[in-house]
Amino acid sequence: MAKGDYKIRIFSALEVANICGVVNQTAINWIRNSYLKAFTTPGGQYRVYAEDLMEFLESRGMRIPDELAEQFREDVEWEKALIIDDDRMFNDLIKEVIQAEFPAFSILQAFDGFDAGRMLLEKRPGFVIMDIDLPGIDGHALCKRIKEEAVFGKPFIIAVTGMNAQEERDKILAEGADAFFPKPFEFKAFTNTIHELYKRIQP
């Protein structure tokens, strides 16, 4: 997994064992058997990236410790937005709309599922504007994954689509999206929604 430009937390095998409630040797065995991704220091000690530990815990249905989940929530950059849409003209238009209304925001663009997944993990956007109907990827499954897996930090999701509005709206909101807009939509209502969501994370 790529490591991004946010704060990186690394755990020793003993720390992993303590987090998971097992003895040190069990954590070492997980690493040696390639169940848990790790690297070795020049001194021969195992080290595990926080996001790799998070993926290991989630894949086995183990409880995510509060301190580990909190780190990922804190690492989200709330003034960073990721637009996921394969329609390049629409993607560019949304970027211009957000930049005009929120000049302090950093705007990222993804045009396929591969870039979307990479940027979600590496760039830690606080806002995700995503088309549900993406080629080669299930937008509904992606929405649920972003919201359910703490590794993504629980960003706000604004779903957009050109498909059956009411049916898609009900489904995507039930899957965790924070807002929904059928294409085409009024940009003022769109930016007002971002304002309202942004207020939720203000101290």
N, C-alpha and C. Protein backbone atom coordinates (compact mmCIF):
# COMPACT_ATOMS: atom_id res chain seq x y z
N MET A 1 0.84 -1.19 0.00
CA MET A 1 0.00 0.00 0.00
C MET A 1 0.87 1.24 0.00
N ALA A 2 0.50 2.22 -0.80
CA ALA A 2 1.31 3.42 -0.85
C ALA A 2 1.15 4.22 0.42
N LYS A 3 2.24 4.82 0.82
CA LYS A 3 2.21 5.68 2.00
C LYS A 3 2.16 7.12 1.53
N GLY A 4 1.19 7.89 2.02
CA GLY A 4 1.00 9.24 1.54
C GLY A 4 1.84 10.27 2.24
N ASP A 5 1.43 11.54 2.04
CA ASP A 5 2.19 12.63 2.59
C ASP A 5 1.63 13.11 3.92
N TYR A 6 0.81 12.28 4.58
CA TYR A 6 0.30 12.62 5.90
C TYR A 6 1.16 11.95 6.96
N LYS A 7 0.86 12.28 8.22
CA LYS A 7 1.62 11.74 9.34
C LYS A 7 1.59 10.21 9.33
N ILE A 8 2.76 9.58 9.37
CA ILE A 8 2.85 8.13 9.31
C ILE A 8 3.14 7.58 10.70
N ARG A 9 2.35 6.63 11.15
CA ARG A 9 2.53 5.98 12.44
C ARG A 9 3.00 4.56 12.18
N ILE A 10 4.05 4.15 12.88
CA ILE A 10 4.61 2.82 12.71
C ILE A 10 4.60 2.11 14.05
N PHE A 11 4.22 0.84 14.04
CA PHE A 11 4.13 0.05 15.26
C PHE A 11 5.16 -1.07 15.26
N SER A 12 5.67 -1.39 16.45
CA SER A 12 6.51 -2.57 16.61
C SER A 12 5.62 -3.80 16.75
N ALA A 13 6.22 -4.98 16.66
CA ALA A 13 5.44 -6.21 16.82
C ALA A 13 4.80 -6.26 18.21
N LEU A 14 5.52 -5.78 19.21
CA LEU A 14 4.98 -5.78 20.57
C LEU A 14 3.78 -4.84 20.69
N GLU A 15 3.86 -3.68 20.05
CA GLU A 15 2.73 -2.75 20.08
C GLU A 15 1.53 -3.36 19.35
N VAL A 16 1.78 -4.03 18.24
CA VAL A 16 0.70 -4.71 17.52
C VAL A 16 0.04 -5.75 18.43
N ALA A 17 0.88 -6.51 19.13
CA ALA A 17 0.37 -7.53 20.04
C ALA A 17 -0.50 -6.92 21.12
N ASN A 18 -0.06 -5.81 21.69
CA ASN A 18 -0.83 -5.14 22.74
C ASN A 18 -2.15 -4.61 22.21
N ILE A 19 -2.12 -4.04 21.02
CA ILE A 19 -3.35 -3.51 20.41
C ILE A 19 -4.36 -4.62 20.16
N CYS A 20 -3.84 -5.77 19.70
CA CYS A 20 -4.72 -6.89 19.34
C CYS A 20 -5.05 -7.82 20.51
N GLY A 21 -4.40 -7.58 21.66
CA GLY A 21 -4.68 -8.41 22.82
C GLY A 21 -4.13 -9.81 22.73
N VAL A 22 -2.96 -9.94 22.08
CA VAL A 22 -2.31 -11.25 21.96
C VAL A 22 -0.88 -11.14 22.47
N VAL A 23 -0.20 -12.29 22.57
CA VAL A 23 1.19 -12.26 23.00
C VAL A 23 2.08 -11.85 21.82
N ASN A 24 3.27 -11.38 22.13
CA ASN A 24 4.17 -10.87 21.12
C ASN A 24 4.46 -11.89 20.02
N GLN A 25 4.62 -13.17 20.39
CA GLN A 25 4.95 -14.20 19.42
C GLN A 25 3.84 -14.39 18.38
N THR A 26 2.60 -14.19 18.81
CA THR A 26 1.48 -14.32 17.87
C THR A 26 1.56 -13.25 16.79
N ALA A 27 1.88 -12.03 17.20
CA ALA A 27 2.02 -10.94 16.22
C ALA A 27 3.17 -11.24 15.27
N ILE A 28 4.26 -11.75 15.81
CA ILE A 28 5.42 -12.09 14.98
C ILE A 28 5.04 -13.19 13.98
N ASN A 29 4.27 -14.17 14.44
CA ASN A 29 3.84 -15.25 13.54
C ASN A 29 2.96 -14.73 12.42
N TRP A 30 2.08 -13.76 12.74
CA TRP A 30 1.24 -13.15 11.70
C TRP A 30 2.12 -12.54 10.61
N ILE A 31 3.17 -11.87 11.06
CA ILE A 31 4.07 -11.20 10.11
C ILE A 31 4.85 -12.23 9.30
N ARG A 32 5.41 -13.23 9.98
CA ARG A 32 6.23 -14.23 9.30
C ARG A 32 5.42 -15.06 8.30
N ASN A 33 4.14 -15.25 8.60
CA ASN A 33 3.27 -16.02 7.70
C ASN A 33 2.60 -15.14 6.64
N SER A 34 3.02 -13.87 6.59
CA SER A 34 2.52 -12.91 5.59
C SER A 34 1.04 -12.58 5.74
N TYR A 35 0.49 -12.83 6.94
CA TYR A 35 -0.88 -12.40 7.19
C TYR A 35 -0.94 -10.88 7.41
N LEU A 36 0.10 -10.37 8.07
CA LEU A 36 0.19 -8.95 8.38
C LEU A 36 1.42 -8.38 7.68
N LYS A 37 1.19 -7.39 6.84
CA LYS A 37 2.29 -6.77 6.10
C LYS A 37 3.19 -5.98 7.03
N ALA A 38 4.51 -6.16 6.88
CA ALA A 38 5.48 -5.48 7.74
C ALA A 38 6.80 -5.33 6.99
N PHE A 39 7.70 -4.54 7.57
CA PHE A 39 9.05 -4.45 7.04
C PHE A 39 10.03 -4.66 8.20
N THR A 40 11.28 -4.88 7.87
CA THR A 40 12.29 -5.18 8.88
C THR A 40 13.30 -4.04 8.96
N THR A 41 13.62 -3.61 10.17
CA THR A 41 14.62 -2.56 10.38
C THR A 41 16.02 -3.15 10.16
N PRO A 42 17.03 -2.29 10.01
CA PRO A 42 18.40 -2.80 9.90
C PRO A 42 18.82 -3.67 11.08
N GLY A 43 18.18 -3.46 12.22
CA GLY A 43 18.48 -4.27 13.40
C GLY A 43 17.70 -5.57 13.48
N GLY A 44 16.87 -5.83 12.44
CA GLY A 44 16.13 -7.08 12.40
C GLY A 44 14.79 -7.06 13.11
N GLN A 45 14.30 -5.87 13.49
CA GLN A 45 13.01 -5.75 14.18
C GLN A 45 11.89 -5.51 13.17
N TYR A 46 10.74 -6.10 13.46
CA TYR A 46 9.59 -5.91 12.59
C TYR A 46 8.90 -4.58 12.89
N ARG A 47 8.44 -3.92 11.84
CA ARG A 47 7.69 -2.69 11.98
C ARG A 47 6.48 -2.74 11.05
N VAL A 48 5.36 -2.20 11.51
CA VAL A 48 4.09 -2.27 10.76
C VAL A 48 3.51 -0.86 10.61
N TYR A 49 3.18 -0.49 9.37
CA TYR A 49 2.51 0.79 9.14
C TYR A 49 1.09 0.73 9.69
N ALA A 50 0.63 1.87 10.20
CA ALA A 50 -0.70 1.93 10.81
C ALA A 50 -1.79 1.50 9.85
N GLU A 51 -1.71 1.93 8.58
CA GLU A 51 -2.77 1.57 7.64
C GLU A 51 -2.76 0.09 7.31
N ASP A 52 -1.57 -0.53 7.34
CA ASP A 52 -1.51 -1.97 7.10
C ASP A 52 -2.10 -2.74 8.28
N LEU A 53 -1.86 -2.25 9.48
CA LEU A 53 -2.47 -2.86 10.66
C LEU A 53 -3.99 -2.70 10.61
N MET A 54 -4.43 -1.52 10.19
CA MET A 54 -5.87 -1.27 10.09
C MET A 54 -6.51 -2.25 9.10
N GLU A 55 -5.88 -2.44 7.95
CA GLU A 55 -6.42 -3.36 6.96
C GLU A 55 -6.46 -4.79 7.49
N PHE A 56 -5.42 -5.18 8.21
CA PHE A 56 -5.36 -6.52 8.79
C PHE A 56 -6.53 -6.73 9.76
N LEU A 57 -6.75 -5.77 10.63
CA LEU A 57 -7.83 -5.89 11.62
C LEU A 57 -9.20 -5.94 10.94
N GLU A 58 -9.39 -5.07 9.95
CA GLU A 58 -10.68 -5.01 9.28
C GLU A 58 -10.96 -6.28 8.48
N SER A 59 -9.93 -6.83 7.83
CA SER A 59 -10.12 -8.01 7.00
C SER A 59 -10.50 -9.23 7.82
N ARG A 60 -10.18 -9.20 9.11
CA ARG A 60 -10.49 -10.34 9.98
C ARG A 60 -11.61 -10.04 10.96
N GLY A 61 -12.27 -8.92 10.75
CA GLY A 61 -13.41 -8.57 11.59
C GLY A 61 -13.04 -8.29 13.03
N MET A 62 -11.79 -7.88 13.27
CA MET A 62 -11.34 -7.58 14.63
C MET A 62 -11.67 -6.13 14.98
N ARG A 63 -11.87 -5.86 16.24
CA ARG A 63 -12.23 -4.52 16.68
C ARG A 63 -11.10 -3.54 16.42
N ILE A 64 -11.45 -2.38 15.88
CA ILE A 64 -10.46 -1.33 15.66
C ILE A 64 -10.31 -0.52 16.95
N PRO A 65 -9.16 -0.52 17.59
CA PRO A 65 -8.97 0.24 18.82
C PRO A 65 -9.27 1.72 18.60
N ASP A 66 -9.85 2.36 19.59
CA ASP A 66 -10.24 3.77 19.46
C ASP A 66 -9.06 4.65 19.09
N GLU A 67 -7.89 4.40 19.71
CA GLU A 67 -6.75 5.28 19.45
C GLU A 67 -6.24 5.14 18.02
N LEU A 68 -6.41 3.95 17.44
CA LEU A 68 -5.98 3.74 16.05
C LEU A 68 -6.96 4.40 15.09
N ALA A 69 -8.24 4.22 15.32
CA ALA A 69 -9.26 4.84 14.46
C ALA A 69 -9.19 6.35 14.56
N GLU A 70 -8.91 6.87 15.75
CA GLU A 70 -8.85 8.31 15.95
C GLU A 70 -7.71 8.93 15.15
N GLN A 71 -6.60 8.21 15.06
CA GLN A 71 -5.47 8.72 14.29
C GLN A 71 -5.86 8.95 12.84
N PHE A 72 -6.61 8.02 12.27
CA PHE A 72 -7.00 8.16 10.88
C PHE A 72 -8.02 9.27 10.70
N ARG A 73 -8.90 9.45 11.67
CA ARG A 73 -9.85 10.56 11.59
C ARG A 73 -9.11 11.89 11.63
N GLU A 74 -8.10 11.98 12.48
CA GLU A 74 -7.35 13.22 12.61
C GLU A 74 -6.52 13.52 11.37
N ASP A 75 -6.14 12.47 10.65
CA ASP A 75 -5.28 12.66 9.49
C ASP A 75 -6.04 13.15 8.26
N VAL A 76 -7.36 13.11 8.27
CA VAL A 76 -8.13 13.59 7.14
C VAL A 76 -7.93 15.10 7.00
N GLU A 77 -7.74 15.55 5.76
CA GLU A 77 -7.57 16.97 5.51
C GLU A 77 -8.89 17.55 5.03
N TRP A 78 -9.58 18.25 5.93
CA TRP A 78 -10.93 18.71 5.65
C TRP A 78 -11.00 19.77 4.57
N GLU A 79 -9.91 20.45 4.29
CA GLU A 79 -9.92 21.44 3.21
C GLU A 79 -9.31 20.86 1.93
N LYS A 80 -9.54 19.58 1.75
CA LYS A 80 -9.11 18.89 0.53
C LYS A 80 -10.30 18.10 0.00
N ALA A 81 -10.59 18.26 -1.28
CA ALA A 81 -11.73 17.57 -1.89
C ALA A 81 -11.26 16.73 -3.08
N LEU A 82 -11.83 15.53 -3.19
CA LEU A 82 -11.53 14.63 -4.30
C LEU A 82 -12.78 14.46 -5.16
N ILE A 83 -12.66 14.77 -6.44
CA ILE A 83 -13.77 14.59 -7.38
C ILE A 83 -13.52 13.32 -8.18
N ILE A 84 -14.45 12.37 -8.10
CA ILE A 84 -14.32 11.09 -8.80
C ILE A 84 -15.41 11.02 -9.86
N ASP A 85 -15.02 11.22 -11.11
CA ASP A 85 -15.99 11.18 -12.21
C ASP A 85 -15.22 10.99 -13.50
N ASP A 86 -15.64 10.01 -14.32
CA ASP A 86 -14.93 9.74 -15.57
C ASP A 86 -15.27 10.74 -16.67
N ASP A 87 -16.31 11.55 -16.46
CA ASP A 87 -16.66 12.61 -17.40
C ASP A 87 -15.72 13.79 -17.12
N ARG A 88 -14.70 13.94 -17.95
CA ARG A 88 -13.66 14.94 -17.68
C ARG A 88 -14.19 16.37 -17.69
N MET A 89 -15.12 16.66 -18.58
CA MET A 89 -15.68 18.02 -18.63
C MET A 89 -16.45 18.33 -17.35
N PHE A 90 -17.26 17.37 -16.90
CA PHE A 90 -18.02 17.59 -15.68
C PHE A 90 -17.07 17.65 -14.47
N ASN A 91 -16.08 16.79 -14.46
CA ASN A 91 -15.09 16.78 -13.38
C ASN A 91 -14.41 18.14 -13.28
N ASP A 92 -13.97 18.66 -14.42
CA ASP A 92 -13.31 19.97 -14.45
C ASP A 92 -14.25 21.08 -14.01
N LEU A 93 -15.52 20.97 -14.41
CA LEU A 93 -16.50 22.00 -14.06
C LEU A 93 -16.73 22.03 -12.55
N ILE A 94 -16.87 20.84 -11.95
CA ILE A 94 -17.06 20.78 -10.50
C ILE A 94 -15.84 21.34 -9.78
N LYS A 95 -14.66 21.05 -10.31
CA LYS A 95 -13.44 21.59 -9.72
C LYS A 95 -13.47 23.12 -9.71
N GLU A 96 -13.87 23.71 -10.84
CA GLU A 96 -13.94 25.17 -10.94
C GLU A 96 -14.96 25.74 -9.96
N VAL A 97 -16.09 25.07 -9.82
CA VAL A 97 -17.15 25.54 -8.93
C VAL A 97 -16.66 25.54 -7.47
N ILE A 98 -16.01 24.45 -7.07
CA ILE A 98 -15.53 24.35 -5.69
C ILE A 98 -14.42 25.36 -5.44
N GLN A 99 -13.49 25.50 -6.38
CA GLN A 99 -12.39 26.44 -6.20
C GLN A 99 -12.88 27.87 -6.09
N ALA A 100 -13.91 28.21 -6.84
CA ALA A 100 -14.45 29.57 -6.80
C ALA A 100 -15.10 29.86 -5.45
N GLU A 101 -15.78 28.87 -4.88
CA GLU A 101 -16.50 29.07 -3.61
C GLU A 101 -15.61 28.83 -2.40
N PHE A 102 -14.62 27.95 -2.56
CA PHE A 102 -13.74 27.60 -1.45
C PHE A 102 -12.27 27.72 -1.90
N PRO A 103 -11.77 28.95 -2.00
CA PRO A 103 -10.41 29.15 -2.53
C PRO A 103 -9.31 28.51 -1.70
N ALA A 104 -9.59 28.21 -0.43
CA ALA A 104 -8.58 27.59 0.43
C ALA A 104 -8.50 26.08 0.23
N PHE A 105 -9.47 25.53 -0.47
CA PHE A 105 -9.50 24.08 -0.67
C PHE A 105 -8.47 23.65 -1.71
N SER A 106 -7.92 22.47 -1.48
CA SER A 106 -7.08 21.80 -2.47
C SER A 106 -7.97 20.78 -3.18
N ILE A 107 -8.03 20.86 -4.51
CA ILE A 107 -8.95 20.02 -5.27
C ILE A 107 -8.18 18.94 -6.02
N LEU A 108 -8.57 17.70 -5.80
CA LEU A 108 -7.97 16.55 -6.49
C LEU A 108 -8.99 15.97 -7.46
N GLN A 109 -8.50 15.35 -8.52
CA GLN A 109 -9.39 14.76 -9.52
C GLN A 109 -8.99 13.32 -9.81
N ALA A 110 -9.98 12.44 -9.87
CA ALA A 110 -9.76 11.05 -10.26
C ALA A 110 -10.77 10.73 -11.36
N PHE A 111 -10.31 10.04 -12.40
CA PHE A 111 -11.17 9.74 -13.53
C PHE A 111 -11.48 8.25 -13.65
N ASP A 112 -10.94 7.44 -12.74
CA ASP A 112 -11.24 6.01 -12.73
C ASP A 112 -11.07 5.48 -11.31
N GLY A 113 -11.48 4.22 -11.12
CA GLY A 113 -11.45 3.63 -9.80
C GLY A 113 -10.06 3.47 -9.23
N PHE A 114 -9.08 3.20 -10.09
CA PHE A 114 -7.72 2.99 -9.62
C PHE A 114 -7.18 4.28 -9.00
N ASP A 115 -7.30 5.39 -9.73
CA ASP A 115 -6.83 6.67 -9.21
C ASP A 115 -7.60 7.08 -7.96
N ALA A 116 -8.90 6.78 -7.95
CA ALA A 116 -9.72 7.13 -6.79
C ALA A 116 -9.22 6.43 -5.54
N GLY A 117 -8.99 5.12 -5.63
CA GLY A 117 -8.52 4.38 -4.47
C GLY A 117 -7.17 4.86 -3.98
N ARG A 118 -6.27 5.13 -4.91
CA ARG A 118 -4.93 5.61 -4.54
C ARG A 118 -5.00 6.96 -3.83
N MET A 119 -5.79 7.88 -4.38
CA MET A 119 -5.86 9.21 -3.80
C MET A 119 -6.57 9.22 -2.45
N LEU A 120 -7.58 8.36 -2.31
CA LEU A 120 -8.29 8.29 -1.03
C LEU A 120 -7.32 7.92 0.10
N LEU A 121 -6.43 7.00 -0.17
CA LEU A 121 -5.49 6.53 0.86
C LEU A 121 -4.30 7.47 1.02
N GLU A 122 -3.80 8.00 -0.08
CA GLU A 122 -2.58 8.81 -0.02
C GLU A 122 -2.84 10.26 0.35
N LYS A 123 -3.92 10.83 -0.17
CA LYS A 123 -4.15 12.27 -0.03
C LYS A 123 -5.08 12.65 1.11
N ARG A 124 -5.85 11.68 1.62
CA ARG A 124 -6.71 11.90 2.79
C ARG A 124 -7.71 13.05 2.63
N PRO A 125 -8.51 13.08 1.54
CA PRO A 125 -9.46 14.18 1.36
C PRO A 125 -10.59 14.12 2.38
N GLY A 126 -11.03 15.29 2.81
CA GLY A 126 -12.14 15.37 3.75
C GLY A 126 -13.49 15.34 3.05
N PHE A 127 -13.48 15.68 1.76
CA PHE A 127 -14.71 15.66 0.95
C PHE A 127 -14.48 14.80 -0.28
N VAL A 128 -15.45 13.94 -0.58
CA VAL A 128 -15.39 13.11 -1.78
C VAL A 128 -16.67 13.35 -2.57
N ILE A 129 -16.50 13.87 -3.79
CA ILE A 129 -17.64 14.05 -4.69
C ILE A 129 -17.52 12.97 -5.74
N MET A 130 -18.43 12.02 -5.74
CA MET A 130 -18.27 10.86 -6.60
C MET A 130 -19.50 10.53 -7.41
N ASP A 131 -19.25 10.20 -8.68
CA ASP A 131 -20.30 9.69 -9.56
C ASP A 131 -20.55 8.24 -9.17
N ILE A 132 -21.81 7.88 -9.00
CA ILE A 132 -22.14 6.50 -8.62
C ILE A 132 -21.88 5.54 -9.77
N ASP A 133 -22.14 6.01 -11.00
CA ASP A 133 -22.05 5.15 -12.18
C ASP A 133 -20.67 5.27 -12.82
N LEU A 134 -19.68 4.66 -12.19
CA LEU A 134 -18.31 4.71 -12.69
C LEU A 134 -17.97 3.43 -13.46
N PRO A 135 -17.30 3.54 -14.60
CA PRO A 135 -16.93 2.33 -15.35
C PRO A 135 -15.91 1.50 -14.59
N GLY A 136 -16.16 0.21 -14.50
CA GLY A 136 -15.20 -0.68 -13.87
C GLY A 136 -15.21 -0.66 -12.35
N ILE A 137 -16.15 0.05 -11.74
CA ILE A 137 -16.20 0.09 -10.28
C ILE A 137 -17.63 0.30 -9.83
N ASP A 138 -18.00 -0.36 -8.77
CA ASP A 138 -19.35 -0.23 -8.20
C ASP A 138 -19.36 0.97 -7.26
N GLY A 139 -19.99 2.05 -7.68
CA GLY A 139 -20.02 3.26 -6.87
C GLY A 139 -20.68 3.04 -5.52
N HIS A 140 -21.69 2.20 -5.48
CA HIS A 140 -22.36 1.91 -4.21
C HIS A 140 -21.42 1.18 -3.25
N ALA A 141 -20.70 0.20 -3.78
CA ALA A 141 -19.76 -0.55 -2.94
C ALA A 141 -18.63 0.35 -2.46
N LEU A 142 -18.17 1.26 -3.32
CA LEU A 142 -17.10 2.18 -2.94
C LEU A 142 -17.57 3.11 -1.83
N CYS A 143 -18.79 3.61 -1.95
CA CYS A 143 -19.34 4.50 -0.92
C CYS A 143 -19.38 3.79 0.43
N LYS A 144 -19.91 2.57 0.44
CA LYS A 144 -20.00 1.81 1.69
C LYS A 144 -18.62 1.56 2.28
N ARG A 145 -17.66 1.23 1.42
CA ARG A 145 -16.33 0.93 1.91
C ARG A 145 -15.68 2.17 2.54
N ILE A 146 -15.82 3.31 1.87
CA ILE A 146 -15.23 4.55 2.41
C ILE A 146 -15.81 4.86 3.78
N LYS A 147 -17.11 4.66 3.93
CA LYS A 147 -17.77 5.01 5.19
C LYS A 147 -17.55 3.98 6.28
N GLU A 148 -17.38 2.73 5.91
CA GLU A 148 -17.28 1.67 6.92
C GLU A 148 -15.85 1.38 7.36
N GLU A 149 -14.87 1.66 6.51
CA GLU A 149 -13.49 1.33 6.85
C GLU A 149 -12.78 2.56 7.39
N ALA A 150 -12.36 2.47 8.63
CA ALA A 150 -11.75 3.62 9.31
C ALA A 150 -10.47 4.09 8.63
N VAL A 151 -9.85 3.23 7.83
CA VAL A 151 -8.61 3.60 7.16
C VAL A 151 -8.79 4.83 6.27
N PHE A 152 -10.02 5.09 5.81
CA PHE A 152 -10.26 6.25 4.96
C PHE A 152 -10.56 7.51 5.77
N GLY A 153 -10.73 7.39 7.06
CA GLY A 153 -10.92 8.56 7.91
C GLY A 153 -12.31 9.15 7.93
N LYS A 154 -13.28 8.48 7.32
CA LYS A 154 -14.68 8.94 7.32
C LYS A 154 -14.87 10.33 6.70
N PRO A 155 -14.47 10.52 5.46
CA PRO A 155 -14.73 11.82 4.81
C PRO A 155 -16.21 11.97 4.49
N PHE A 156 -16.61 13.20 4.21
CA PHE A 156 -17.97 13.44 3.73
C PHE A 156 -18.05 12.97 2.27
N ILE A 157 -19.17 12.34 1.92
CA ILE A 157 -19.37 11.89 0.55
C ILE A 157 -20.59 12.58 -0.05
N ILE A 158 -20.38 13.22 -1.19
CA ILE A 158 -21.49 13.80 -1.95
C ILE A 158 -21.60 12.98 -3.24
N ALA A 159 -22.67 12.23 -3.36
CA ALA A 159 -22.87 11.36 -4.51
C ALA A 159 -23.63 12.09 -5.61
N VAL A 160 -23.22 11.86 -6.85
CA VAL A 160 -23.93 12.44 -8.00
C VAL A 160 -24.18 11.35 -9.02
N THR A 161 -25.22 11.51 -9.81
CA THR A 161 -25.51 10.50 -10.84
C THR A 161 -26.48 11.07 -11.86
N GLY A 162 -26.44 10.49 -13.06
CA GLY A 162 -27.39 10.85 -14.09
C GLY A 162 -28.47 9.79 -14.22
N MET A 163 -28.46 8.80 -13.32
CA MET A 163 -29.42 7.70 -13.38
C MET A 163 -30.70 8.06 -12.63
N ASN A 164 -31.62 7.09 -12.51
CA ASN A 164 -32.90 7.27 -11.82
C ASN A 164 -32.69 7.93 -10.47
N ALA A 165 -33.09 9.17 -10.35
CA ALA A 165 -32.74 9.99 -9.19
C ALA A 165 -33.26 9.44 -7.86
N GLN A 166 -34.56 9.20 -7.74
CA GLN A 166 -35.13 8.82 -6.45
C GLN A 166 -34.59 7.47 -5.98
N GLU A 167 -34.53 6.51 -6.89
CA GLU A 167 -34.04 5.18 -6.52
C GLU A 167 -32.58 5.23 -6.08
N GLU A 168 -31.77 5.94 -6.85
CA GLU A 168 -30.36 6.05 -6.51
C GLU A 168 -30.15 6.85 -5.24
N ARG A 169 -30.94 7.90 -5.05
CA ARG A 169 -30.82 8.73 -3.85
C ARG A 169 -31.06 7.91 -2.60
N ASP A 170 -32.15 7.17 -2.56
CA ASP A 170 -32.49 6.38 -1.38
C ASP A 170 -31.41 5.34 -1.09
N LYS A 171 -30.91 4.71 -2.13
CA LYS A 171 -29.93 3.64 -1.95
C LYS A 171 -28.59 4.17 -1.46
N ILE A 172 -28.08 5.23 -2.10
CA ILE A 172 -26.75 5.73 -1.75
C ILE A 172 -26.74 6.40 -0.38
N LEU A 173 -27.82 7.06 -0.01
CA LEU A 173 -27.90 7.67 1.32
C LEU A 173 -27.93 6.59 2.40
N ALA A 174 -28.61 5.49 2.10
CA ALA A 174 -28.65 4.38 3.05
C ALA A 174 -27.28 3.74 3.20
N GLU A 175 -26.46 3.87 2.17
CA GLU A 175 -25.11 3.29 2.20
C GLU A 175 -24.08 4.22 2.83
N GLY A 176 -24.53 5.39 3.27
CA GLY A 176 -23.62 6.26 4.01
C GLY A 176 -23.30 7.60 3.39
N ALA A 177 -23.73 7.85 2.16
CA ALA A 177 -23.45 9.15 1.54
C ALA A 177 -24.09 10.26 2.37
N ASP A 178 -23.43 11.40 2.43
CA ASP A 178 -23.93 12.53 3.23
C ASP A 178 -24.86 13.43 2.44
N ALA A 179 -24.79 13.37 1.12
CA ALA A 179 -25.67 14.18 0.28
C ALA A 179 -25.74 13.54 -1.10
N PHE A 180 -26.78 13.92 -1.84
CA PHE A 180 -27.00 13.34 -3.18
C PHE A 180 -27.50 14.43 -4.12
N PHE A 181 -26.97 14.43 -5.34
CA PHE A 181 -27.43 15.36 -6.37
C PHE A 181 -27.56 14.63 -7.70
N PRO A 182 -28.76 14.68 -8.32
CA PRO A 182 -28.92 14.11 -9.66
C PRO A 182 -28.38 15.11 -10.69
N LYS A 183 -27.73 14.61 -11.73
CA LYS A 183 -27.24 15.49 -12.79
C LYS A 183 -28.38 15.84 -13.74
N PRO A 184 -28.43 17.07 -14.24
CA PRO A 184 -27.63 18.22 -13.82
C PRO A 184 -28.21 18.81 -12.54
N PHE A 185 -27.40 19.56 -11.79
CA PHE A 185 -27.90 20.13 -10.54
C PHE A 185 -27.46 21.59 -10.42
N GLU A 186 -28.11 22.29 -9.48
CA GLU A 186 -27.80 23.69 -9.25
C GLU A 186 -26.52 23.79 -8.43
N PHE A 187 -25.56 24.53 -8.94
CA PHE A 187 -24.27 24.62 -8.26
C PHE A 187 -24.38 25.33 -6.92
N LYS A 188 -25.31 26.27 -6.80
CA LYS A 188 -25.46 26.97 -5.52
C LYS A 188 -25.91 26.01 -4.43
N ALA A 189 -26.84 25.15 -4.74
CA ALA A 189 -27.30 24.15 -3.76
C ALA A 189 -26.16 23.20 -3.42
N PHE A 190 -25.34 22.89 -4.41
CA PHE A 190 -24.19 22.01 -4.20
C PHE A 190 -23.17 22.64 -3.25
N THR A 191 -22.80 23.89 -3.50
CA THR A 191 -21.82 24.54 -2.63
C THR A 191 -22.41 24.82 -1.24
N ASN A 192 -23.71 25.09 -1.18
CA ASN A 192 -24.35 25.27 0.13
C ASN A 192 -24.25 23.99 0.97
N THR A 193 -24.37 22.86 0.30
CA THR A 193 -24.25 21.57 1.00
C THR A 193 -22.83 21.40 1.55
N ILE A 194 -21.83 21.76 0.78
CA ILE A 194 -20.46 21.66 1.27
C ILE A 194 -20.27 22.57 2.47
N HIS A 195 -20.83 23.77 2.41
CA HIS A 195 -20.75 24.69 3.57
C HIS A 195 -21.36 24.04 4.81
N GLU A 196 -22.54 23.44 4.66
CA GLU A 196 -23.23 22.83 5.79
C GLU A 196 -22.44 21.66 6.36
N LEU A 197 -21.88 20.85 5.49
CA LEU A 197 -21.07 19.72 5.96
C LEU A 197 -19.80 20.19 6.65
N TYR A 198 -19.19 21.22 6.10
CA TYR A 198 -17.94 21.75 6.68
C TYR A 198 -18.17 22.28 8.09
N LYS A 199 -19.36 22.83 8.33
CA LYS A 199 -19.68 23.37 9.67
C LYS A 199 -19.66 22.27 10.72
N ARG A 200 -19.93 21.03 10.31
CA ARG A 200 -20.01 19.93 11.27
C ARG A 200 -18.68 19.62 11.94
N ILE A 201 -17.59 19.93 11.27
CA ILE A 201 -16.27 19.58 11.83
C ILE A 201 -15.59 20.80 12.45
N GLN A 202 -16.30 21.94 12.47
CA GLN A 202 -15.73 23.11 13.10
C GLN A 202 -15.80 22.99 14.62
N PRO A 203 -14.75 23.44 15.35
CA PRO A 203 -14.75 23.34 16.82
C PRO A 203 -15.81 24.23 17.43
